[in-house]
């Protein structure tokens, strides 16, 4: 899980994300829901499920870039 991956957390922090226990807990819950419901609804492929945390980081890293487009 992401809680054990200091590199990912450091990447998020260096990208300007406020990161603490609350965010970590919410993200772990979200990832758990995706994993649980994936068995019923095929939300992501099995290969992507194994690297789900990295997909989240990729998506979050686009946040500051998308902000320029919206505003």
C-alpha atoms as a PDB file:
ATOM      1  CA  UNK A   1       0.000   0.000   0.000  1.00  0.00           C
ATOM      2  CA  UNK A   2       1.006   3.594  -0.390  1.00  0.00           C
ATOM      3  CA  UNK A   3       1.552   4.023   3.366  1.00  0.00           C
ATOM      4  CA  UNK A   4       4.737   1.946   3.076  1.00  0.00           C
ATOM      5  CA  UNK A   5       6.135   3.677   0.008  1.00  0.00           C
ATOM      6  CA  UNK A   6       8.173   6.667   1.139  1.00  0.00           C
ATOM      7  CA  UNK A   7       9.238   7.473  -2.430  1.00  0.00           C
ATOM      8  CA  UNK A   8       5.640   8.034  -3.552  1.00  0.00           C
ATOM      9  CA  UNK A   9       4.824  10.141  -0.512  1.00  0.00           C
ATOM     10  CA  UNK A  10       7.974  12.228  -1.065  1.00  0.00           C
ATOM     11  CA  UNK A  11       7.012  12.704  -4.717  1.00  0.00           C
ATOM     12  CA  UNK A  12       3.567  13.958  -3.712  1.00  0.00           C
ATOM     13  CA  UNK A  13       5.033  16.316  -1.131  1.00  0.00           C
ATOM     14  CA  UNK A  14       7.621  17.651  -3.561  1.00  0.00           C
ATOM     15  CA  UNK A  15       4.813  18.325  -6.048  1.00  0.00           C
ATOM     16  CA  UNK A  16       3.161  20.601  -3.526  1.00  0.00           C
ATOM     17  CA  UNK A  17       0.552  18.241  -2.110  1.00  0.00           C
ATOM     18  CA  UNK A  18      -0.250  18.583   1.549  1.00  0.00           C
ATOM     19  CA  UNK A  19       0.215  15.074   2.834  1.00  0.00           C
ATOM     20  CA  UNK A  20      -0.601  13.743   6.259  1.00  0.00           C
ATOM     21  CA  UNK A  21      -2.356  10.919   8.044  1.00  0.00           C
ATOM     22  CA  UNK A  22      -5.789  12.052   6.848  1.00  0.00           C
ATOM     23  CA  UNK A  23      -4.798  12.061   3.180  1.00  0.00           C
ATOM     24  CA  UNK A  24      -2.985   8.762   3.549  1.00  0.00           C
ATOM     25  CA  UNK A  25      -6.026   7.182   5.201  1.00  0.00           C
ATOM     26  CA  UNK A  26      -8.422   8.498   2.561  1.00  0.00           C
ATOM     27  CA  UNK A  27      -6.217   7.316  -0.289  1.00  0.00           C
ATOM     28  CA  UNK A  28      -5.820   3.868   1.275  1.00  0.00           C
ATOM     29  CA  UNK A  29      -9.599   3.657   1.615  1.00  0.00           C
ATOM     30  CA  UNK A  30     -10.108   4.731  -2.005  1.00  0.00           C
ATOM     31  CA  UNK A  31      -7.588   2.183  -3.290  1.00  0.00           C
ATOM     32  CA  UNK A  32      -9.208  -0.499  -1.145  1.00  0.00           C
ATOM     33  CA  UNK A  33     -12.606   0.289  -2.653  1.00  0.00           C
ATOM     34  CA  UNK A  34     -11.210   0.047  -6.173  1.00  0.00           C
ATOM     35  CA  UNK A  35      -9.605  -3.304  -5.389  1.00  0.00           C
ATOM     36  CA  UNK A  36     -12.779  -4.634  -3.759  1.00  0.00           C
ATOM     37  CA  UNK A  37     -15.156  -3.492  -6.510  1.00  0.00           C
ATOM     38  CA  UNK A  38     -12.811  -4.486  -9.305  1.00  0.00           C
ATOM     39  CA  UNK A  39     -13.863  -8.106  -8.769  1.00  0.00           C
ATOM     40  CA  UNK A  40     -17.464  -7.153  -9.564  1.00  0.00           C
ATOM     41  CA  UNK A  41     -17.149  -4.408 -12.160  1.00  0.00           C
ATOM     42  CA  UNK A  42     -13.717  -4.847 -13.822  1.00  0.00           C
ATOM     43  CA  UNK A  43     -12.737  -1.253 -13.141  1.00  0.00           C
ATOM     44  CA  UNK A  44      -9.070  -1.783 -14.060  1.00  0.00           C
ATOM     45  CA  UNK A  45      -7.064  -4.601 -15.611  1.00  0.00           C
ATOM     46  CA  UNK A  46      -5.248  -7.055 -13.335  1.00  0.00           C
ATOM     47  CA  UNK A  47      -1.895  -5.638 -14.456  1.00  0.00           C
ATOM     48  CA  UNK A  48      -2.974  -2.101 -13.627  1.00  0.00           C
ATOM     49  CA  UNK A  49      -4.430  -3.237 -10.328  1.00  0.00           C
ATOM     50  CA  UNK A  50      -0.959  -4.364  -9.269  1.00  0.00           C
ATOM     51  CA  UNK A  51       0.452  -0.873  -9.879  1.00  0.00           C
ATOM     52  CA  UNK A  52      -2.580   1.157  -8.867  1.00  0.00           C
ATOM     53  CA  UNK A  53      -0.656   3.485  -6.562  1.00  0.00           C
ATOM     54  CA  UNK A  54       1.581   4.639  -9.408  1.00  0.00           C
ATOM     55  CA  UNK A  55      -1.470   5.421 -11.550  1.00  0.00           C
ATOM     56  CA  UNK A  56      -2.828   7.590  -8.739  1.00  0.00           C
ATOM     57  CA  UNK A  57       0.478   9.430  -8.458  1.00  0.00           C
ATOM     58  CA  UNK A  58       0.527   9.969 -12.228  1.00  0.00           C
ATOM     59  CA  UNK A  59      -2.968  11.433 -12.101  1.00  0.00           C
ATOM     60  CA  UNK A  60      -2.225  13.650  -9.124  1.00  0.00           C
ATOM     61  CA  UNK A  61       0.961  14.933 -10.718  1.00  0.00           C
ATOM     62  CA  UNK A  62      -1.131  16.426 -13.531  1.00  0.00           C
ATOM     63  CA  UNK A  63      -3.095  18.582 -11.095  1.00  0.00           C
ATOM     64  CA  UNK A  64      -0.860  21.635 -11.224  1.00  0.00           C
ATOM     65  CA  UNK A  65      -0.611  21.422 -15.031  1.00  0.00           C
ATOM     66  CA  UNK A  66      -4.383  21.185 -15.489  1.00  0.00           C
ATOM     67  CA  UNK A  67      -4.897  24.176 -13.238  1.00  0.00           C
ATOM     68  CA  UNK A  68      -3.181  26.396 -15.832  1.00  0.00           C
ATOM     69  CA  UNK A  69      -5.599  25.195 -18.493  1.00  0.00           C
ATOM     70  CA  UNK A  70      -8.733  25.740 -16.402  1.00  0.00           C
ATOM     71  CA  UNK A  71      -7.830  29.161 -15.102  1.00  0.00           C
END
